[in-house]
Amino acid sequence: MISRFERREPSRSLARFYRLEVAPTLFGEWSLRRIWGRIGTEGRARLETYPTRAEALDAAARIERLRHRRGYVRRPGPAGGAE
């Protein structure tokens, strides 16, 4: 699962992205990778692991709610900050 969000406020020169990726690891766990930064850059990343897919998806949903509260909007299409 990959979700991409953007927040743009031209009056404040603000153009940011946030990406969530849930995927299995080689050791039977599930990872949640968060990538964020200014649109057009590679951004920063954080990786968290969870014992089950459900826990990773729950964590992703919680983060998604926080991003929406901060003004981010879900964007369809390719999931990348530097394209």
PDB file of N, CA and C in Angstrom:
ATOM      1  N   MET A   1       0.831  -1.166   0.000  1.00  0.00           N
ATOM      2  CA  MET A   1       0.000   0.000   0.000  1.00  0.00           C
ATOM      3  C   MET A   1       0.885   1.242   0.000  1.00  0.00           C
ATOM      4  N   ILE A   2       0.602   2.136  -0.903  1.00  0.00           N
ATOM      5  CA  ILE A   2       1.328   3.409  -0.962  1.00  0.00           C
ATOM      6  C   ILE A   2       0.301   4.530  -1.005  1.00  0.00           C
ATOM      7  N   SER A   3       0.453   5.506  -0.132  1.00  0.00           N
ATOM      8  CA  SER A   3      -0.423   6.683  -0.106  1.00  0.00           C
ATOM      9  C   SER A   3       0.443   7.927  -0.206  1.00  0.00           C
ATOM     10  N   ARG A   4      -0.024   8.873  -0.988  1.00  0.00           N
ATOM     11  CA  ARG A   4       0.721  10.115  -1.169  1.00  0.00           C
ATOM     12  C   ARG A   4      -0.171  11.301  -0.848  1.00  0.00           C
ATOM     13  N   PHE A   5       0.406  12.286  -0.169  1.00  0.00           N
ATOM     14  CA  PHE A   5      -0.316  13.489   0.233  1.00  0.00           C
ATOM     15  C   PHE A   5       0.522  14.710  -0.113  1.00  0.00           C
ATOM     16  N   GLU A   6      -0.151  15.809  -0.387  1.00  0.00           N
ATOM     17  CA  GLU A   6       0.549  17.067  -0.667  1.00  0.00           C
ATOM     18  C   GLU A   6      -0.130  18.201   0.074  1.00  0.00           C
ATOM     19  N   ARG A   7       0.668  19.198   0.374  1.00  0.00           N
ATOM     20  CA  ARG A   7       0.158  20.435   0.961  1.00  0.00           C
ATOM     21  C   ARG A   7       0.817  21.582   0.218  1.00  0.00           C
ATOM     22  N   ARG A   8      -0.004  22.418  -0.391  1.00  0.00           N
ATOM     23  CA  ARG A   8       0.504  23.554  -1.154  1.00  0.00           C
ATOM     24  C   ARG A   8      -0.171  24.834  -0.689  1.00  0.00           C
ATOM     25  N   GLU A   9       0.636  25.806  -0.372  1.00  0.00           N
ATOM     26  CA  GLU A   9       0.151  27.139  -0.018  1.00  0.00           C
ATOM     27  C   GLU A   9       1.080  28.145  -0.705  1.00  0.00           C
ATOM     28  N   PRO A  10       0.757  28.540  -1.936  1.00  0.00           N
ATOM     29  CA  PRO A  10       1.637  29.447  -2.683  1.00  0.00           C
ATOM     30  C   PRO A  10       1.908  30.764  -1.970  1.00  0.00           C
ATOM     31  N   SER A  11       0.940  31.272  -1.217  1.00  0.00           N
ATOM     32  CA  SER A  11       1.147  32.548  -0.521  1.00  0.00           C
ATOM     33  C   SER A  11       2.251  32.448   0.528  1.00  0.00           C
ATOM     34  N   ARG A  12       2.475  31.250   1.048  1.00  0.00           N
ATOM     35  CA  ARG A  12       3.528  31.031   2.041  1.00  0.00           C
ATOM     36  C   ARG A  12       4.737  30.323   1.442  1.00  0.00           C
ATOM     37  N   SER A  13       4.727  30.130   0.113  1.00  0.00           N
ATOM     38  CA  SER A  13       5.799  29.418  -0.587  1.00  0.00           C
ATOM     39  C   SER A  13       5.974  28.013  -0.008  1.00  0.00           C
ATOM     40  N   LEU A  14       4.845  27.360   0.258  1.00  0.00           N
ATOM     41  CA  LEU A  14       4.837  26.052   0.879  1.00  0.00           C
ATOM     42  C   LEU A  14       4.405  25.009  -0.150  1.00  0.00           C
ATOM     43  N   ALA A  15       5.233  24.010  -0.358  1.00  0.00           N
ATOM     44  CA  ALA A  15       4.922  22.905  -1.268  1.00  0.00           C
ATOM     45  C   ALA A  15       5.579  21.654  -0.690  1.00  0.00           C
ATOM     46  N   ARG A  16       4.791  20.853   0.019  1.00  0.00           N
ATOM     47  CA  ARG A  16       5.325  19.685   0.723  1.00  0.00           C
ATOM     48  C   ARG A  16       4.602  18.406   0.315  1.00  0.00           C
ATOM     49  N   PHE A  17       5.307  17.283   0.453  1.00  0.00           N
ATOM     50  CA  PHE A  17       4.704  15.983   0.201  1.00  0.00           C
ATOM     51  C   PHE A  17       4.910  15.091   1.413  1.00  0.00           C
ATOM     52  N   TYR A  18       4.079  14.068   1.512  1.00  0.00           N
ATOM     53  CA  TYR A  18       4.185  13.064   2.571  1.00  0.00           C
ATOM     54  C   TYR A  18       3.745  11.754   1.950  1.00  0.00           C
ATOM     55  N   ARG A  19       4.533  10.704   2.111  1.00  0.00           N
ATOM     56  CA  ARG A  19       4.227   9.411   1.505  1.00  0.00           C
ATOM     57  C   ARG A  19       4.296   8.316   2.559  1.00  0.00           C
ATOM     58  N   LEU A  20       3.332   7.402   2.536  1.00  0.00           N
ATOM     59  CA  LEU A  20       3.296   6.261   3.442  1.00  0.00           C
ATOM     60  C   LEU A  20       3.356   4.984   2.614  1.00  0.00           C
ATOM     61  N   GLU A  21       4.234   4.063   2.985  1.00  0.00           N
ATOM     62  CA  GLU A  21       4.368   2.794   2.280  1.00  0.00           C
ATOM     63  C   GLU A  21       4.333   1.656   3.296  1.00  0.00           C
ATOM     64  N   VAL A  22       3.419   0.704   3.119  1.00  0.00           N
ATOM     65  CA  VAL A  22       3.349  -0.481   3.968  1.00  0.00           C
ATOM     66  C   VAL A  22       3.744  -1.673   3.112  1.00  0.00           C
ATOM     67  N   ALA A  23       4.733  -2.450   3.602  1.00  0.00           N
ATOM     68  CA  ALA A  23       5.235  -3.596   2.831  1.00  0.00           C
ATOM     69  C   ALA A  23       5.782  -4.662   3.779  1.00  0.00           C
ATOM     70  N   PRO A  24       5.790  -5.924   3.328  1.00  0.00           N
ATOM     71  CA  PRO A  24       6.361  -6.987   4.170  1.00  0.00           C
ATOM     72  C   PRO A  24       7.886  -6.891   4.194  1.00  0.00           C
ATOM     73  N   THR A  25       8.472  -7.351   5.287  1.00  0.00           N
ATOM     74  CA  THR A  25       9.933  -7.408   5.381  1.00  0.00           C
ATOM     75  C   THR A  25      10.380  -8.833   5.077  1.00  0.00           C
ATOM     76  N   LEU A  26      11.664  -9.044   4.989  1.00  0.00           N
ATOM     77  CA  LEU A  26      12.207 -10.384   4.732  1.00  0.00           C
ATOM     78  C   LEU A  26      12.094 -11.298   5.941  1.00  0.00           C
ATOM     79  N   PHE A  27      11.760 -10.736   7.101  1.00  0.00           N
ATOM     80  CA  PHE A  27      11.739 -11.510   8.337  1.00  0.00           C
ATOM     81  C   PHE A  27      10.322 -11.780   8.844  1.00  0.00           C
ATOM     82  N   GLY A  28       9.316 -11.608   7.981  1.00  0.00           N
ATOM     83  CA  GLY A  28       7.947 -11.913   8.352  1.00  0.00           C
ATOM     84  C   GLY A  28       7.210 -10.802   9.072  1.00  0.00           C
ATOM     85  N   GLU A  29       7.849  -9.667   9.255  1.00  0.00           N
ATOM     86  CA  GLU A  29       7.187  -8.512   9.873  1.00  0.00           C
ATOM     87  C   GLU A  29       6.663  -7.608   8.761  1.00  0.00           C
ATOM     88  N   TRP A  30       6.080  -6.495   9.156  1.00  0.00           N
ATOM     89  CA  TRP A  30       5.593  -5.498   8.199  1.00  0.00           C
ATOM     90  C   TRP A  30       6.228  -4.160   8.511  1.00  0.00           C
ATOM     91  N   SER A  31       6.597  -3.442   7.458  1.00  0.00           N
ATOM     92  CA  SER A  31       7.238  -2.142   7.650  1.00  0.00           C
ATOM     93  C   SER A  31       6.304  -1.015   7.217  1.00  0.00           C
ATOM     94  N   LEU A  32       6.439   0.096   7.907  1.00  0.00           N
ATOM     95  CA  LEU A  32       5.769   1.339   7.530  1.00  0.00           C
ATOM     96  C   LEU A  32       6.881   2.344   7.278  1.00  0.00           C
ATOM     97  N   ARG A  33       7.003   2.752   6.030  1.00  0.00           N
ATOM     98  CA  ARG A  33       8.023   3.736   5.655  1.00  0.00           C
ATOM     99  C   ARG A  33       7.323   5.058   5.409  1.00  0.00           C
ATOM    100  N   ARG A  34       7.813   6.098   6.098  1.00  0.00           N
ATOM    101  CA  ARG A  34       7.278   7.449   5.939  1.00  0.00           C
ATOM    102  C   ARG A  34       8.345   8.292   5.274  1.00  0.00           C
ATOM    103  N   ILE A  35       7.974   8.956   4.190  1.00  0.00           N
ATOM    104  CA  ILE A  35       8.892   9.848   3.482  1.00  0.00           C
ATOM    105  C   ILE A  35       8.201  11.205   3.385  1.00  0.00           C
ATOM    106  N   TRP A  36       8.923  12.262   3.713  1.00  0.00           N
ATOM    107  CA  TRP A  36       8.324  13.596   3.674  1.00  0.00           C
ATOM    108  C   TRP A  36       9.376  14.621   3.299  1.00  0.00           C
ATOM    109  N   GLY A  37       8.906  15.762   2.803  1.00  0.00           N
ATOM    110  CA  GLY A  37       9.820  16.850   2.462  1.00  0.00           C
ATOM    111  C   GLY A  37       9.187  17.824   1.490  1.00  0.00           C
ATOM    112  N   ARG A  38      10.016  18.672   0.966  1.00  0.00           N
ATOM    113  CA  ARG A  38       9.574  19.670  -0.002  1.00  0.00           C
ATOM    114  C   ARG A  38       9.410  18.997  -1.362  1.00  0.00           C
ATOM    115  N   ILE A  39       8.337  19.333  -2.075  1.00  0.00           N
ATOM    116  CA  ILE A  39       8.107  18.763  -3.405  1.00  0.00           C
ATOM    117  C   ILE A  39       9.288  19.117  -4.298  1.00  0.00           C
ATOM    118  N   GLY A  40       9.797  18.122  -5.010  1.00  0.00           N
ATOM    119  CA  GLY A  40      10.947  18.315  -5.880  1.00  0.00           C
ATOM    120  C   GLY A  40      12.250  17.853  -5.251  1.00  0.00           C
ATOM    121  N   THR A  41      12.196  17.438  -3.969  1.00  0.00           N
ATOM    122  CA  THR A  41      13.392  16.925  -3.297  1.00  0.00           C
ATOM    123  C   THR A  41      13.203  15.445  -2.974  1.00  0.00           C
ATOM    124  N   GLU A  42      14.265  14.807  -2.567  1.00  0.00           N
ATOM    125  CA  GLU A  42      14.200  13.413  -2.171  1.00  0.00           C
ATOM    126  C   GLU A  42      13.481  13.241  -0.841  1.00  0.00           C
ATOM    127  N   GLY A  43      13.603  14.207   0.028  1.00  0.00           N
ATOM    128  CA  GLY A  43      12.926  14.176   1.317  1.00  0.00           C
ATOM    129  C   GLY A  43      13.667  13.367   2.364  1.00  0.00           C
ATOM    130  N   ARG A  44      13.042  13.235   3.514  1.00  0.00           N
ATOM    131  CA  ARG A  44      13.593  12.458   4.630  1.00  0.00           C
ATOM    132  C   ARG A  44      12.730  11.227   4.804  1.00  0.00           C
ATOM    133  N   ALA A  45      13.259  10.206   5.479  1.00  0.00           N
ATOM    134  CA  ALA A  45      12.505   8.966   5.638  1.00  0.00           C
ATOM    135  C   ALA A  45      12.670   8.401   7.040  1.00  0.00           C
ATOM    136  N   ARG A  46      11.649   7.664   7.455  1.00  0.00           N
ATOM    137  CA  ARG A  46      11.683   6.940   8.729  1.00  0.00           C
ATOM    138  C   ARG A  46      11.025   5.587   8.484  1.00  0.00           C
ATOM    139  N   LEU A  47      11.627   4.532   9.031  1.00  0.00           N
ATOM    140  CA  LEU A  47      11.119   3.177   8.864  1.00  0.00           C
ATOM    141  C   LEU A  47      10.761   2.604  10.223  1.00  0.00           C
ATOM    142  N   GLU A  48       9.539   2.083  10.329  1.00  0.00           N
ATOM    143  CA  GLU A  48       9.081   1.439  11.557  1.00  0.00           C
ATOM    144  C   GLU A  48       8.608   0.038  11.189  1.00  0.00           C
ATOM    145  N   THR A  49       8.818  -0.943  12.065  1.00  0.00           N
ATOM    146  CA  THR A  49       8.357  -2.298  11.790  1.00  0.00           C
ATOM    147  C   THR A  49       7.282  -2.698  12.795  1.00  0.00           C
ATOM    148  N   TYR A  50       6.366  -3.524  12.329  1.00  0.00           N
ATOM    149  CA  TYR A  50       5.241  -4.010  13.129  1.00  0.00           C
ATOM    150  C   TYR A  50       5.124  -5.515  12.940  1.00  0.00           C
ATOM    151  N   PRO A  51       4.624  -6.229  13.954  1.00  0.00           N
ATOM    152  CA  PRO A  51       4.520  -7.687  13.845  1.00  0.00           C
ATOM    153  C   PRO A  51       3.493  -8.160  12.817  1.00  0.00           C
ATOM    154  N   THR A  52       2.423  -7.378  12.602  1.00  0.00           N
ATOM    155  CA  THR A  52       1.378  -7.800  11.671  1.00  0.00           C
ATOM    156  C   THR A  52       1.052  -6.684  10.680  1.00  0.00           C
ATOM    157  N   ARG A  53       0.447  -7.096   9.569  1.00  0.00           N
ATOM    158  CA  ARG A  53       0.035  -6.134   8.544  1.00  0.00           C
ATOM    159  C   ARG A  53      -1.031  -5.195   9.110  1.00  0.00           C
ATOM    160  N   ALA A  54      -1.953  -5.744   9.891  1.00  0.00           N
ATOM    161  CA  ALA A  54      -3.028  -4.932  10.464  1.00  0.00           C
ATOM    162  C   ALA A  54      -2.479  -3.807  11.338  1.00  0.00           C
ATOM    163  N   GLU A  55      -1.455  -4.095  12.135  1.00  0.00           N
ATOM    164  CA  GLU A  55      -0.868  -3.061  12.987  1.00  0.00           C
ATOM    165  C   GLU A  55      -0.188  -1.983  12.153  1.00  0.00           C
ATOM    166  N   ALA A  56       0.494  -2.382  11.089  1.00  0.00           N
ATOM    167  CA  ALA A  56       1.147  -1.408  10.211  1.00  0.00           C
ATOM    168  C   ALA A  56       0.106  -0.529   9.523  1.00  0.00           C
ATOM    169  N   LEU A  57      -0.993  -1.126   9.069  1.00  0.00           N
ATOM    170  CA  LEU A  57      -2.051  -0.354   8.415  1.00  0.00           C
ATOM    171  C   LEU A  57      -2.752   0.576   9.403  1.00  0.00           C
ATOM    172  N   ASP A  58      -2.929   0.132  10.641  1.00  0.00           N
ATOM    173  CA  ASP A  58      -3.513   1.000  11.669  1.00  0.00           C
ATOM    174  C   ASP A  58      -2.629   2.219  11.924  1.00  0.00           C
ATOM    175  N   ALA A  59      -1.325   1.995  12.004  1.00  0.00           N
ATOM    176  CA  ALA A  59      -0.385   3.102  12.214  1.00  0.00           C
ATOM    177  C   ALA A  59      -0.425   4.067  11.027  1.00  0.00           C
ATOM    178  N   ALA A  60      -0.501   3.521   9.811  1.00  0.00           N
ATOM    179  CA  ALA A  60      -0.575   4.365   8.616  1.00  0.00           C
ATOM    180  C   ALA A  60      -1.858   5.189   8.621  1.00  0.00           C
ATOM    181  N   ALA A  61      -2.972   4.581   9.021  1.00  0.00           N
ATOM    182  CA  ALA A  61      -4.251   5.309   9.077  1.00  0.00           C
ATOM    183  C   ALA A  61      -4.195   6.440  10.101  1.00  0.00           C
ATOM    184  N   ARG A  62      -3.548   6.190  11.238  1.00  0.00           N
ATOM    185  CA  ARG A  62      -3.413   7.224  12.271  1.00  0.00           C
ATOM    186  C   ARG A  62      -2.599   8.406  11.732  1.00  0.00           C
ATOM    187  N   ILE A  63      -1.510   8.107  11.050  1.00  0.00           N
ATOM    188  CA  ILE A  63      -0.662   9.165  10.488  1.00  0.00           C
ATOM    189  C   ILE A  63      -1.409   9.920   9.394  1.00  0.00           C
ATOM    190  N   GLU A  64      -2.186   9.180   8.594  1.00  0.00           N
ATOM    191  CA  GLU A  64      -2.966   9.827   7.542  1.00  0.00           C
ATOM    192  C   GLU A  64      -3.953  10.831   8.139  1.00  0.00           C
ATOM    193  N   ARG A  65      -4.611  10.467   9.224  1.00  0.00           N
ATOM    194  CA  ARG A  65      -5.542  11.404   9.886  1.00  0.00           C
ATOM    195  C   ARG A  65      -4.809  12.659  10.364  1.00  0.00           C
ATOM    196  N   LEU A  66      -3.618  12.483  10.908  1.00  0.00           N
ATOM    197  CA  LEU A  66      -2.833  13.642  11.360  1.00  0.00           C
ATOM    198  C   LEU A  66      -2.450  14.540  10.188  1.00  0.00           C
ATOM    199  N   ARG A  67      -2.068  13.949   9.073  1.00  0.00           N
ATOM    200  CA  ARG A  67      -1.699  14.744   7.896  1.00  0.00           C
ATOM    201  C   ARG A  67      -2.898  15.542   7.399  1.00  0.00           C
ATOM    202  N   HIS A  68      -4.080  14.927   7.378  1.00  0.00           N
ATOM    203  CA  HIS A  68      -5.285  15.641   6.935  1.00  0.00           C
ATOM    204  C   HIS A  68      -5.578  16.831   7.840  1.00  0.00           C
ATOM    205  N   ARG A  69      -5.394  16.651   9.144  1.00  0.00           N
ATOM    206  CA  ARG A  69      -5.619  17.757  10.079  1.00  0.00           C
ATOM    207  C   ARG A  69      -4.655  18.906   9.840  1.00  0.00           C
ATOM    208  N   ARG A  70      -3.489  18.588   9.309  1.00  0.00           N
ATOM    209  CA  ARG A  70      -2.495  19.634   9.046  1.00  0.00           C
ATOM    210  C   ARG A  70      -2.600  20.218   7.648  1.00  0.00           C
ATOM    211  N   GLY A  71      -3.646  19.836   6.910  1.00  0.00           N
ATOM    212  CA  GLY A  71      -3.884  20.457   5.615  1.00  0.00           C
ATOM    213  C   GLY A  71      -3.393  19.682   4.411  1.00  0.00           C
ATOM    214  N   TYR A  72      -2.924  18.463   4.594  1.00  0.00           N
ATOM    215  CA  TYR A  72      -2.470  17.652   3.468  1.00  0.00           C
ATOM    216  C   TYR A  72      -3.671  17.037   2.762  1.00  0.00           C
ATOM    217  N   VAL A  73      -3.570  16.888   1.450  1.00  0.00           N
ATOM    218  CA  VAL A  73      -4.632  16.329   0.618  1.00  0.00           C
ATOM    219  C   VAL A  73      -4.075  15.102  -0.093  1.00  0.00           C
ATOM    220  N   ARG A  74      -4.857  14.013  -0.115  1.00  0.00           N
ATOM    221  CA  ARG A  74      -4.424  12.776  -0.792  1.00  0.00           C
ATOM    222  C   ARG A  74      -4.304  13.049  -2.295  1.00  0.00           C
ATOM    223  N   ARG A  75      -3.231  12.558  -2.892  1.00  0.00           N
ATOM    224  CA  ARG A  75      -2.989  12.707  -4.320  1.00  0.00           C
ATOM    225  C   ARG A  75      -2.884  11.339  -4.978  1.00  0.00           C
ATOM    226  N   PRO A  76      -3.618  11.128  -6.062  1.00  0.00           N
ATOM    227  CA  PRO A  76      -3.480   9.870  -6.808  1.00  0.00           C
ATOM    228  C   PRO A  76      -2.228   9.922  -7.683  1.00  0.00           C
ATOM    229  N   GLY A  77      -1.907   8.797  -8.277  1.00  0.00           N
ATOM    230  CA  GLY A  77      -0.801   8.766  -9.232  1.00  0.00           C
ATOM    231  C   GLY A  77       0.470   8.249  -8.632  1.00  0.00           C
ATOM    232  N   PRO A  78       1.576   8.490  -9.334  1.00  0.00           N
ATOM    233  CA  PRO A  78       2.870   7.958  -8.870  1.00  0.00           C
ATOM    234  C   PRO A  78       3.216   8.484  -7.490  1.00  0.00           C
ATOM    235  N   ALA A  79       3.791   7.628  -6.683  1.00  0.00           N
ATOM    236  CA  ALA A  79       4.130   8.017  -5.307  1.00  0.00           C
ATOM    237  C   ALA A  79       5.589   8.419  -5.235  1.00  0.00           C
ATOM    238  N   GLY A  80       5.863   9.684  -5.364  1.00  0.00           N
ATOM    239  CA  GLY A  80       7.234  10.153  -5.253  1.00  0.00           C
ATOM    240  C   GLY A  80       7.288  11.631  -4.997  1.00  0.00           C
ATOM    241  N   GLY A  81       8.302  12.055  -4.303  1.00  0.00           N
ATOM    242  CA  GLY A  81       8.422  13.479  -4.024  1.00  0.00           C
ATOM    243  C   GLY A  81       9.281  14.205  -5.031  1.00  0.00           C
ATOM    244  N   ALA A  82      10.170  13.477  -5.696  1.00  0.00           N
ATOM    245  CA  ALA A  82      11.152  14.127  -6.548  1.00  0.00           C
ATOM    246  C   ALA A  82      10.848  13.994  -8.023  1.00  0.00           C
ATOM    247  N   GLU A  83       9.609  13.658  -8.401  1.00  0.00           N
ATOM    248  CA  GLU A  83       9.360  13.529  -9.839  1.00  0.00           C
ATOM    249  C   GLU A  83       9.025  14.832 -10.491  1.00  0.00           C
TER     250      GLU A  83
END
